[in-house]
Every structure is written in structure tokens, then in C-alpha cells.
Amino acid sequence: MKKTLATTAALLAFLGSAYAATVQGTIQAVDPTTKSVTLDDGKIYQLSPDASVGKLKVGAKVAVTVDDKTGMVTSIKKAS
């Protein structure tokens, strides 16, 4: 039973990560009204309505993780 439960938990964790894509780029624009960020590839990435855009700065190099199902940004981190 414990082995089945552990296998199921591992599978669910894998499935959750399978539907996310990470894109790296430089922020070209931040729109606090629409809660969106434009990267240097020209694509506009939509943040969740409750996201804070206050710390996002034009020119910052970032890694943006996007949920493939919803198209919403799930995280933005400083790129290394």
C-alpha cells in the first residue's frame, strides 16, 4: 500500500511539472494594468490577477514559467 501511494504521489508530481514551460529572456515592458510582461522575444506573458508586478523591472533577465494549460505565468525568477 505504501509503495502504491508513493508511486502515485511521484506520478502526480511529474504530471504537474509536465504542463509547465520555462522561457528565459529580458523584460522589455511591464503593464501593471493588464498584469502582463513582454520579453525580448516579443511575446506577452500574462500573470495571475493577484500577482504583484512592483519588483519587475525593464531590462531584468528572468526565467518565466508558464502553465501550458492556462497560459498563465506561474513564476518569474531572476535568470542566472
PDB file of N, CA and C in Angstrom:
ATOM      1  N   MET A   1       0.818  -1.190   0.000  1.00  0.00           N
ATOM      2  CA  MET A   1       0.000   0.000   0.000  1.00  0.00           C
ATOM      3  C   MET A   1       0.866   1.259   0.000  1.00  0.00           C
ATOM      4  N   LYS A   2       1.925   1.263   0.849  1.00  0.00           N
ATOM      5  CA  LYS A   2       2.793   2.430   0.921  1.00  0.00           C
ATOM      6  C   LYS A   2       3.517   2.653  -0.403  1.00  0.00           C
ATOM      7  N   LYS A   3       3.913   1.547  -1.052  1.00  0.00           N
ATOM      8  CA  LYS A   3       4.615   1.653  -2.332  1.00  0.00           C
ATOM      9  C   LYS A   3       3.685   2.231  -3.401  1.00  0.00           C
ATOM     10  N   THR A   4       2.440   1.811  -3.406  1.00  0.00           N
ATOM     11  CA  THR A   4       1.461   2.321  -4.367  1.00  0.00           C
ATOM     12  C   THR A   4       1.205   3.798  -4.134  1.00  0.00           C
ATOM     13  N   LEU A   5       1.083   4.189  -2.873  1.00  0.00           N
ATOM     14  CA  LEU A   5       0.845   5.586  -2.534  1.00  0.00           C
ATOM     15  C   LEU A   5       2.038   6.453  -2.946  1.00  0.00           C
ATOM     16  N   ALA A   6       3.251   5.976  -2.694  1.00  0.00           N
ATOM     17  CA  ALA A   6       4.454   6.722  -3.072  1.00  0.00           C
ATOM     18  C   ALA A   6       4.558   6.845  -4.590  1.00  0.00           C
ATOM     19  N   THR A   7       4.245   5.795  -5.305  1.00  0.00           N
ATOM     20  CA  THR A   7       4.282   5.815  -6.764  1.00  0.00           C
ATOM     21  C   THR A   7       3.254   6.793  -7.319  1.00  0.00           C
ATOM     22  N   THR A   8       2.070   6.793  -6.743  1.00  0.00           N
ATOM     23  CA  THR A   8       1.011   7.712  -7.175  1.00  0.00           C
ATOM     24  C   THR A   8       1.416   9.160  -6.920  1.00  0.00           C
ATOM     25  N   ALA A   9       1.988   9.431  -5.759  1.00  0.00           N
ATOM     26  CA  ALA A   9       2.429  10.791  -5.439  1.00  0.00           C
ATOM     27  C   ALA A   9       3.520  11.247  -6.402  1.00  0.00           C
ATOM     28  N   ALA A  10       4.454  10.372  -6.712  1.00  0.00           N
ATOM     29  CA  ALA A  10       5.525  10.718  -7.651  1.00  0.00           C
ATOM     30  C   ALA A  10       4.965  10.979  -9.043  1.00  0.00           C
ATOM     31  N   LEU A  11       4.007  10.180  -9.465  1.00  0.00           N
ATOM     32  CA  LEU A  11       3.388  10.366 -10.773  1.00  0.00           C
ATOM     33  C   LEU A  11       2.640  11.689 -10.849  1.00  0.00           C
ATOM     34  N   LEU A  12       1.908  12.035  -9.811  1.00  0.00           N
ATOM     35  CA  LEU A  12       1.181  13.305  -9.795  1.00  0.00           C
ATOM     36  C   LEU A  12       2.145  14.490  -9.818  1.00  0.00           C
ATOM     37  N   ALA A  13       3.252  14.384  -9.122  1.00  0.00           N
ATOM     38  CA  ALA A  13       4.253  15.454  -9.147  1.00  0.00           C
ATOM     39  C   ALA A  13       4.829  15.603 -10.541  1.00  0.00           C
ATOM     40  N   PHE A  14       5.083  14.487 -11.211  1.00  0.00           N
ATOM     41  CA  PHE A  14       5.610  14.530 -12.572  1.00  0.00           C
ATOM     42  C   PHE A  14       4.590  15.142 -13.526  1.00  0.00           C
ATOM     43  N   LEU A  15       3.341  14.767 -13.407  1.00  0.00           N
ATOM     44  CA  LEU A  15       2.311  15.313 -14.292  1.00  0.00           C
ATOM     45  C   LEU A  15       2.148  16.806 -14.105  1.00  0.00           C
ATOM     46  N   GLY A  16       2.251  17.272 -12.875  1.00  0.00           N
ATOM     47  CA  GLY A  16       2.150  18.703 -12.607  1.00  0.00           C
ATOM     48  C   GLY A  16       3.257  19.479 -13.293  1.00  0.00           C
ATOM     49  N   SER A  17       4.455  18.934 -13.297  1.00  0.00           N
ATOM     50  CA  SER A  17       5.570  19.624 -13.928  1.00  0.00           C
ATOM     51  C   SER A  17       5.573  19.438 -15.443  1.00  0.00           C
ATOM     52  N   ALA A  18       4.871  18.448 -15.936  1.00  0.00           N
ATOM     53  CA  ALA A  18       4.855  18.188 -17.374  1.00  0.00           C
ATOM     54  C   ALA A  18       4.082  19.257 -18.134  1.00  0.00           C
ATOM     55  N   TYR A  19       3.267  20.002 -17.458  1.00  0.00           N
ATOM     56  CA  TYR A  19       2.449  21.007 -18.111  1.00  0.00           C
ATOM     57  C   TYR A  19       2.958  22.424 -17.888  1.00  0.00           C
ATOM     58  N   ALA A  20       4.267  22.553 -17.686  1.00  0.00           N
ATOM     59  CA  ALA A  20       4.850  23.870 -17.479  1.00  0.00           C
ATOM     60  C   ALA A  20       6.058  24.030 -18.395  1.00  0.00           C
ATOM     61  N   ALA A  21       6.218  25.216 -18.927  1.00  0.00           N
ATOM     62  CA  ALA A  21       7.368  25.527 -19.772  1.00  0.00           C
ATOM     63  C   ALA A  21       8.080  26.734 -19.177  1.00  0.00           C
ATOM     64  N   THR A  22       9.403  26.716 -19.242  1.00  0.00           N
ATOM     65  CA  THR A  22      10.181  27.842 -18.738  1.00  0.00           C
ATOM     66  C   THR A  22      10.875  28.526 -19.909  1.00  0.00           C
ATOM     67  N   VAL A  23      10.748  29.838 -19.949  1.00  0.00           N
ATOM     68  CA  VAL A  23      11.338  30.668 -21.000  1.00  0.00           C
ATOM     69  C   VAL A  23      12.247  31.689 -20.329  1.00  0.00           C
ATOM     70  N   GLN A  24      13.441  31.879 -20.876  1.00  0.00           N
ATOM     71  CA  GLN A  24      14.331  32.901 -20.348  1.00  0.00           C
ATOM     72  C   GLN A  24      14.395  34.065 -21.318  1.00  0.00           C
ATOM     73  N   GLY A  25      14.528  35.252 -20.761  1.00  0.00           N
ATOM     74  CA  GLY A  25      14.610  36.433 -21.600  1.00  0.00           C
ATOM     75  C   GLY A  25      14.814  37.682 -20.772  1.00  0.00           C
ATOM     76  N   THR A  26      14.794  38.816 -21.460  1.00  0.00           N
ATOM     77  CA  THR A  26      14.953  40.116 -20.819  1.00  0.00           C
ATOM     78  C   THR A  26      13.628  40.852 -20.893  1.00  0.00           C
ATOM     79  N   ILE A  27      13.208  41.421 -19.770  1.00  0.00           N
ATOM     80  CA  ILE A  27      11.939  42.146 -19.729  1.00  0.00           C
ATOM     81  C   ILE A  27      12.047  43.417 -20.572  1.00  0.00           C
ATOM     82  N   GLN A  28      11.123  43.559 -21.519  1.00  0.00           N
ATOM     83  CA  GLN A  28      11.064  44.742 -22.371  1.00  0.00           C
ATOM     84  C   GLN A  28       9.980  45.715 -21.909  1.00  0.00           C
ATOM     85  N   ALA A  29       8.908  45.168 -21.299  1.00  0.00           N
ATOM     86  CA  ALA A  29       7.808  46.012 -20.830  1.00  0.00           C
ATOM     87  C   ALA A  29       7.056  45.303 -19.715  1.00  0.00           C
ATOM     88  N   VAL A  30       6.541  46.097 -18.783  1.00  0.00           N
ATOM     89  CA  VAL A  30       5.693  45.600 -17.702  1.00  0.00           C
ATOM     90  C   VAL A  30       4.429  46.445 -17.707  1.00  0.00           C
ATOM     91  N   ASP A  31       3.272  45.784 -17.783  1.00  0.00           N
ATOM     92  CA  ASP A  31       1.997  46.504 -17.775  1.00  0.00           C
ATOM     93  C   ASP A  31       1.230  46.144 -16.504  1.00  0.00           C
ATOM     94  N   PRO A  32       1.248  47.037 -15.492  1.00  0.00           N
ATOM     95  CA  PRO A  32       0.554  46.728 -14.242  1.00  0.00           C
ATOM     96  C   PRO A  32      -0.968  46.688 -14.391  1.00  0.00           C
ATOM     97  N   THR A  33      -1.507  47.361 -15.392  1.00  0.00           N
ATOM     98  CA  THR A  33      -2.958  47.374 -15.594  1.00  0.00           C
ATOM     99  C   THR A  33      -3.464  46.008 -16.051  1.00  0.00           C
ATOM    100  N   THR A  34      -2.775  45.411 -17.023  1.00  0.00           N
ATOM    101  CA  THR A  34      -3.196  44.110 -17.542  1.00  0.00           C
ATOM    102  C   THR A  34      -2.461  42.956 -16.882  1.00  0.00           C
ATOM    103  N   LYS A  35      -1.529  43.281 -15.951  1.00  0.00           N
ATOM    104  CA  LYS A  35      -0.719  42.264 -15.264  1.00  0.00           C
ATOM    105  C   LYS A  35      -0.008  41.373 -16.277  1.00  0.00           C
ATOM    106  N   SER A  36       0.730  42.021 -17.187  1.00  0.00           N
ATOM    107  CA  SER A  36       1.456  41.274 -18.199  1.00  0.00           C
ATOM    108  C   SER A  36       2.897  41.764 -18.315  1.00  0.00           C
ATOM    109  N   VAL A  37       3.738  40.889 -18.844  1.00  0.00           N
ATOM    110  CA  VAL A  37       5.152  41.175 -19.044  1.00  0.00           C
ATOM    111  C   VAL A  37       5.503  40.811 -20.480  1.00  0.00           C
ATOM    112  N   THR A  38       6.233  41.701 -21.157  1.00  0.00           N
ATOM    113  CA  THR A  38       6.706  41.426 -22.509  1.00  0.00           C
ATOM    114  C   THR A  38       8.198  41.162 -22.432  1.00  0.00           C
ATOM    115  N   LEU A  39       8.630  40.049 -23.024  1.00  0.00           N
ATOM    116  CA  LEU A  39      10.053  39.721 -23.059  1.00  0.00           C
ATOM    117  C   LEU A  39      10.654  40.126 -24.402  1.00  0.00           C
ATOM    118  N   ASP A  40      11.970  40.006 -24.477  1.00  0.00           N
ATOM    119  CA  ASP A  40      12.675  40.422 -25.691  1.00  0.00           C
ATOM    120  C   ASP A  40      12.374  39.558 -26.905  1.00  0.00           C
ATOM    121  N   ASP A  41      11.665  38.433 -26.720  1.00  0.00           N
ATOM    122  CA  ASP A  41      11.238  37.628 -27.869  1.00  0.00           C
ATOM    123  C   ASP A  41       9.945  38.170 -28.473  1.00  0.00           C
ATOM    124  N   GLY A  42       9.410  39.246 -27.851  1.00  0.00           N
ATOM    125  CA  GLY A  42       8.189  39.879 -28.349  1.00  0.00           C
ATOM    126  C   GLY A  42       6.906  39.288 -27.803  1.00  0.00           C
ATOM    127  N   LYS A  43       7.010  38.179 -27.089  1.00  0.00           N
ATOM    128  CA  LYS A  43       5.812  37.537 -26.545  1.00  0.00           C
ATOM    129  C   LYS A  43       5.380  38.219 -25.261  1.00  0.00           C
ATOM    130  N   ILE A  44       4.063  38.261 -25.077  1.00  0.00           N
ATOM    131  CA  ILE A  44       3.478  38.841 -23.875  1.00  0.00           C
ATOM    132  C   ILE A  44       3.024  37.698 -22.981  1.00  0.00           C
ATOM    133  N   TYR A  45       3.456  37.749 -21.729  1.00  0.00           N
ATOM    134  CA  TYR A  45       3.133  36.711 -20.762  1.00  0.00           C
ATOM    135  C   TYR A  45       2.184  37.276 -19.719  1.00  0.00           C
ATOM    136  N   GLN A  46       1.062  36.575 -19.515  1.00  0.00           N
ATOM    137  CA  GLN A  46       0.005  37.022 -18.614  1.00  0.00           C
ATOM    138  C   GLN A  46       0.228  36.486 -17.212  1.00  0.00           C
ATOM    139  N   LEU A  47       0.239  37.386 -16.235  1.00  0.00           N
ATOM    140  CA  LEU A  47       0.361  36.992 -14.834  1.00  0.00           C
ATOM    141  C   LEU A  47      -1.026  36.797 -14.246  1.00  0.00           C
ATOM    142  N   SER A  48      -1.087  36.144 -13.101  1.00  0.00           N
ATOM    143  CA  SER A  48      -2.378  35.952 -12.447  1.00  0.00           C
ATOM    144  C   SER A  48      -2.889  37.297 -11.926  1.00  0.00           C
ATOM    145  N   PRO A  49      -4.190  37.443 -11.773  1.00  0.00           N
ATOM    146  CA  PRO A  49      -4.763  38.715 -11.335  1.00  0.00           C
ATOM    147  C   PRO A  49      -4.248  39.202  -9.981  1.00  0.00           C
ATOM    148  N   ASP A  50      -3.841  38.280  -9.103  1.00  0.00           N
ATOM    149  CA  ASP A  50      -3.359  38.676  -7.782  1.00  0.00           C
ATOM    150  C   ASP A  50      -1.838  38.865  -7.724  1.00  0.00           C
ATOM    151  N   ALA A  51      -1.161  38.739  -8.854  1.00  0.00           N
ATOM    152  CA  ALA A  51       0.295  38.880  -8.897  1.00  0.00           C
ATOM    153  C   ALA A  51       0.711  40.340  -8.707  1.00  0.00           C
ATOM    154  N   SER A  52       1.869  40.509  -8.098  1.00  0.00           N
ATOM    155  CA  SER A  52       2.426  41.843  -7.909  1.00  0.00           C
ATOM    156  C   SER A  52       3.514  42.066  -8.958  1.00  0.00           C
ATOM    157  N   VAL A  53       3.422  43.180  -9.672  1.00  0.00           N
ATOM    158  CA  VAL A  53       4.409  43.485 -10.711  1.00  0.00           C
ATOM    159  C   VAL A  53       5.397  44.555 -10.256  1.00  0.00           C
ATOM    160  N   GLY A  54       5.299  44.971  -9.002  1.00  0.00           N
ATOM    161  CA  GLY A  54       6.112  46.063  -8.485  1.00  0.00           C
ATOM    162  C   GLY A  54       7.610  45.855  -8.565  1.00  0.00           C
ATOM    163  N   LYS A  55       8.083  44.629  -8.427  1.00  0.00           N
ATOM    164  CA  LYS A  55       9.516  44.353  -8.439  1.00  0.00           C
ATOM    165  C   LYS A  55      10.052  44.024  -9.824  1.00  0.00           C
ATOM    166  N   LEU A  56       9.180  43.901 -10.809  1.00  0.00           N
ATOM    167  CA  LEU A  56       9.621  43.577 -12.168  1.00  0.00           C
ATOM    168  C   LEU A  56      10.104  44.845 -12.861  1.00  0.00           C
ATOM    169  N   LYS A  57      11.329  44.794 -13.353  1.00  0.00           N
ATOM    170  CA  LYS A  57      11.939  45.973 -13.964  1.00  0.00           C
ATOM    171  C   LYS A  57      12.350  45.694 -15.404  1.00  0.00           C
ATOM    172  N   VAL A  58      12.125  46.675 -16.268  1.00  0.00           N
ATOM    173  CA  VAL A  58      12.568  46.577 -17.658  1.00  0.00           C
ATOM    174  C   VAL A  58      14.082  46.412 -17.656  1.00  0.00           C
ATOM    175  N   GLY A  59      14.562  45.473 -18.467  1.00  0.00           N
ATOM    176  CA  GLY A  59      15.990  45.205 -18.570  1.00  0.00           C
ATOM    177  C   GLY A  59      16.466  44.040 -17.724  1.00  0.00           C
ATOM    178  N   ALA A  60      15.612  43.559 -16.816  1.00  0.00           N
ATOM    179  CA  ALA A  60      15.988  42.435 -15.960  1.00  0.00           C
ATOM    180  C   ALA A  60      15.950  41.134 -16.754  1.00  0.00           C
ATOM    181  N   LYS A  61      16.949  40.286 -16.521  1.00  0.00           N
ATOM    182  CA  LYS A  61      16.978  38.962 -17.142  1.00  0.00           C
ATOM    183  C   LYS A  61      16.214  38.014 -16.219  1.00  0.00           C
ATOM    184  N   VAL A  62      15.214  37.331 -16.771  1.00  0.00           N
ATOM    185  CA  VAL A  62      14.329  36.497 -15.961  1.00  0.00           C
ATOM    186  C   VAL A  62      14.084  35.139 -16.605  1.00  0.00           C
ATOM    187  N   ALA A  63      13.629  34.225 -15.772  1.00  0.00           N
ATOM    188  CA  ALA A  63      13.129  32.927 -16.214  1.00  0.00           C
ATOM    189  C   ALA A  63      11.649  32.901 -15.866  1.00  0.00           C
ATOM    190  N   VAL A  64      10.811  32.754 -16.878  1.00  0.00           N
ATOM    191  CA  VAL A  64       9.359  32.781 -16.704  1.00  0.00           C
ATOM    192  C   VAL A  64       8.824  31.366 -16.899  1.00  0.00           C
ATOM    193  N   THR A  65       8.095  30.870 -15.904  1.00  0.00           N
ATOM    194  CA  THR A  65       7.471  29.558 -16.012  1.00  0.00           C
ATOM    195  C   THR A  65       5.988  29.763 -16.306  1.00  0.00           C
ATOM    196  N   VAL A  66       5.517  29.086 -17.358  1.00  0.00           N
ATOM    197  CA  VAL A  66       4.142  29.258 -17.838  1.00  0.00           C
ATOM    198  C   VAL A  66       3.419  27.922 -17.798  1.00  0.00           C
ATOM    199  N   ASP A  67       2.206  27.931 -17.280  1.00  0.00           N
ATOM    200  CA  ASP A  67       1.357  26.748 -17.281  1.00  0.00           C
ATOM    201  C   ASP A  67       0.849  26.540 -18.709  1.00  0.00           C
ATOM    202  N   ASP A  68       1.162  25.390 -19.293  1.00  0.00           N
ATOM    203  CA  ASP A  68       0.775  25.116 -20.675  1.00  0.00           C
ATOM    204  C   ASP A  68      -0.737  25.044 -20.874  1.00  0.00           C
ATOM    205  N   LYS A  69      -1.465  24.645 -19.851  1.00  0.00           N
ATOM    206  CA  LYS A  69      -2.918  24.527 -19.981  1.00  0.00           C
ATOM    207  C   LYS A  69      -3.596  25.895 -19.967  1.00  0.00           C
ATOM    208  N   THR A  70      -3.200  26.749 -19.023  1.00  0.00           N
ATOM    209  CA  THR A  70      -3.882  28.032 -18.863  1.00  0.00           C
ATOM    210  C   THR A  70      -3.182  29.178 -19.567  1.00  0.00           C
ATOM    211  N   GLY A  71      -1.887  29.021 -19.843  1.00  0.00           N
ATOM    212  CA  GLY A  71      -1.108  30.093 -20.454  1.00  0.00           C
ATOM    213  C   GLY A  71      -0.694  31.166 -19.459  1.00  0.00           C
ATOM    214  N   MET A  72      -1.021  30.972 -18.188  1.00  0.00           N
ATOM    215  CA  MET A  72      -0.691  31.938 -17.145  1.00  0.00           C
ATOM    216  C   MET A  72       0.706  31.681 -16.595  1.00  0.00           C
ATOM    217  N   VAL A  73       1.366  32.768 -16.228  1.00  0.00           N
ATOM    218  CA  VAL A  73       2.684  32.670 -15.599  1.00  0.00           C
ATOM    219  C   VAL A  73       2.503  32.126 -14.192  1.00  0.00           C
ATOM    220  N   THR A  74       3.294  31.103 -13.863  1.00  0.00           N
ATOM    221  CA  THR A  74       3.235  30.541 -12.510  1.00  0.00           C
ATOM    222  C   THR A  74       4.384  31.045 -11.655  1.00  0.00           C
ATOM    223  N   SER A  75       5.481  31.479 -12.294  1.00  0.00           N
ATOM    224  CA  SER A  75       6.580  32.075 -11.529  1.00  0.00           C
ATOM    225  C   SER A  75       7.494  32.878 -12.448  1.00  0.00           C
ATOM    226  N   ILE A  76       8.106  33.886 -11.861  1.00  0.00           N
ATOM    227  CA  ILE A  76       9.139  34.671 -12.538  1.00  0.00           C
ATOM    228  C   ILE A  76      10.303  34.778 -11.564  1.00  0.00           C
ATOM    229  N   LYS A  77      11.467  34.322 -12.029  1.00  0.00           N
ATOM    230  CA  LYS A  77      12.656  34.358 -11.188  1.00  0.00           C
ATOM    231  C   LYS A  77      13.786  35.020 -11.949  1.00  0.00           C
ATOM    232  N   LYS A  78      14.721  35.584 -11.211  1.00  0.00           N
ATOM    233  CA  LYS A  78      15.907  36.158 -11.808  1.00  0.00           C
ATOM    234  C   LYS A  78      16.687  35.061 -12.504  1.00  0.00           C
ATOM    235  N   ALA A  79      17.034  35.271 -13.764  1.00  0.00           N
ATOM    236  CA  ALA A  79      17.778  34.268 -14.518  1.00  0.00           C
ATOM    237  C   ALA A  79      19.229  34.283 -14.087  1.00  0.00           C
ATOM    238  N   SER A  80      19.827  33.113 -14.101  1.00  0.00           N
ATOM    239  CA  SER A  80      21.243  33.022 -13.716  1.00  0.00           C
ATOM    240  C   SER A  80      22.164  33.180 -14.896  1.00  0.00           C
TER     241      SER A  80
END
